[in-house]
Structures are given as C-alpha cells and as structure tokens.
Protein backbone atom coordinates (compact mmCIF):
# COMPACT_ATOMS: atom_id res chain seq x y z
CA MET A 1 -1.71 10.67 14.81
CA ALA A 2 0.99 11.67 17.32
CA SER A 3 0.30 14.55 19.62
CA GLN A 4 2.45 17.66 19.57
CA HIS A 5 3.74 16.72 23.05
CA ASN A 6 4.92 13.31 21.83
CA ILE A 7 6.66 14.88 18.84
CA CYS A 8 8.44 17.40 21.09
CA CYS A 9 9.52 14.63 23.49
CA THR A 10 10.87 12.58 20.62
CA LEU A 11 12.90 15.51 19.30
CA ILE A 12 14.31 16.28 22.76
CA LEU A 13 15.27 12.64 23.31
CA ARG A 14 16.98 12.50 19.92
CA VAL A 15 19.20 15.43 20.94
CA LEU A 16 19.84 14.20 24.49
CA GLN A 17 20.81 10.71 23.37
CA LYS A 18 23.90 12.15 21.70
CA TYR A 19 25.24 13.40 25.08
CA GLU A 20 26.55 11.51 28.09
CA GLN A 21 27.95 13.47 31.05
CA GLY A 22 28.93 16.39 28.83
CA PHE A 23 30.53 14.29 26.09
CA ILE A 24 29.08 13.94 22.61
CA LEU A 25 29.00 10.21 21.94
CA ASP A 26 28.01 10.29 18.30
CA PRO A 27 29.07 13.65 16.85
CA VAL A 28 27.81 14.94 13.55
CA VAL A 29 30.85 14.97 11.26
CA MET A 30 30.96 16.43 7.77
CA SER A 31 33.43 16.67 4.91
CA PRO A 32 34.76 19.74 3.10
CA THR A 33 32.38 18.95 0.21
CA HIS A 34 29.23 19.31 2.33
CA THR A 35 27.43 22.64 1.92
CA VAL A 36 26.56 25.48 4.24
CA LYS A 37 22.95 24.31 3.97
CA ASP A 38 23.99 20.89 5.39
CA ILE A 39 25.63 22.61 8.37
CA ILE A 40 22.56 24.74 9.08
CA GLN A 41 20.24 21.72 8.90
CA ALA A 42 22.46 19.73 11.30
CA LYS A 43 22.61 22.65 13.73
CA LYS A 44 18.82 22.94 13.71
CA ARG A 45 18.30 19.21 14.13
CA PHE A 46 20.91 18.50 16.81
CA GLY A 47 21.63 21.90 18.36
CA PHE A 48 25.41 21.67 18.09
CA SER A 49 27.36 24.91 18.02
CA GLY A 50 30.36 23.44 16.22
CA ILE A 51 30.65 20.65 13.68
CA PRO A 52 33.97 18.87 13.04
CA ILE A 53 35.11 18.55 9.44
CA THR A 54 37.18 15.50 8.51
CA ASN A 55 38.80 14.81 5.17
CA ASN A 56 36.04 12.34 4.18
CA GLY A 57 33.21 13.19 6.60
CA HIS A 58 33.60 10.13 8.84
CA MET A 59 34.45 9.89 12.52
CA GLY A 60 38.00 8.67 13.15
CA GLU A 61 39.46 10.30 10.06
CA LYS A 62 41.84 13.26 9.91
CA LEU A 63 40.31 16.41 11.38
CA VAL A 64 40.73 19.27 8.90
CA GLY A 65 38.49 21.97 10.38
CA LEU A 66 35.65 22.97 12.64
CA VAL A 67 32.60 24.94 11.48
CA THR A 68 31.14 27.28 14.08
CA GLN A 69 28.21 29.66 13.92
CA ARG A 70 30.68 32.50 13.44
CA ASP A 71 31.79 30.95 10.14
CA ILE A 72 28.30 31.06 8.64
CA ASP A 73 26.57 33.95 10.46
CA PHE A 74 26.83 36.50 7.67
CA LEU A 75 26.27 34.31 4.63
CA THR A 76 23.34 35.11 2.38
CA ASP A 77 20.67 32.75 1.07
CA ASP A 78 22.54 32.70 -2.25
CA GLU A 79 25.55 31.15 -0.48
CA MET A 80 23.74 28.14 1.02
CA GLU A 81 25.13 25.77 -1.63
CA THR A 82 28.71 26.91 -0.96
CA PRO A 83 31.02 24.01 -0.03
CA ILE A 84 32.33 24.07 3.53
CA SER A 85 35.88 24.08 2.15
CA GLU A 86 35.26 27.64 0.95
CA VAL A 87 33.94 28.79 4.34
CA VAL A 88 36.37 27.21 6.82
CA LYS A 89 40.08 27.92 7.05
CA ILE A 90 41.38 24.37 6.85
CA GLU A 91 45.10 25.30 7.16
CA VAL A 92 44.77 26.59 10.74
CA LEU A 93 44.54 23.24 12.54
CA PRO A 94 48.04 21.85 11.78
CA ILE A 95 49.49 24.96 13.42
CA LEU A 96 47.27 24.37 16.46
CA PHE A 97 48.33 20.72 16.74
CA ASN A 98 52.01 21.70 16.55
CA ALA A 99 51.53 24.31 19.28
CA LEU A 100 49.78 21.81 21.54
CA SER A 101 52.60 19.27 21.23
CA ILE A 102 55.23 21.72 22.55
C-alpha cells in the first residue's frame, strides 16, 4: 500500500509535468457540451484557473471560449450538469481576435 507521502508526490508531479518554464504543454481542453461538473473536476485535478473551450474539445481546433472560476463561482449544486455552452459567452472571442489584428 502506498504511503500518503508517495500519493502526494505523485499528484504534485502530475500537475508539474504539464508545465515547462511557465508554458502549459498539454492543456486540458473541453467542448461546449462538457458540463460545469467536468470543469470543476479538471480544476481540482490539475489546478488550472482557466480552461480553453474548442468547438470539439480537442487541442488545435477552433477556440470558442475560455471558462474561468468567475464563470462558475456562483452556480448551485443543481447546476452542475449544465453544459458549458450555457455558462460561457462564446460570441465574445471573435470580437477579441478582430481587435488584436488591428
């Protein structure tokens, strides 16, 4: 049976392996159909403060939103099965991209 110390070290390594010099090498990406519960579980497991949302939940696809803690802070337990598409304002990003290209 693994000791509590070994379990803690394993969890810390799992989080640290996703970072290299401040860059996230293997980000957690979700789709608009994932639920608030999925976001909360990913935040607990990996410690990320924001999770990118792509149109199909895969890295390299079109970015359609970003879920932050502020998006889910005030949701109740009854809203945990709510799809991310109902929590995040997906229309905001095209405006941002247009502003950045000016």
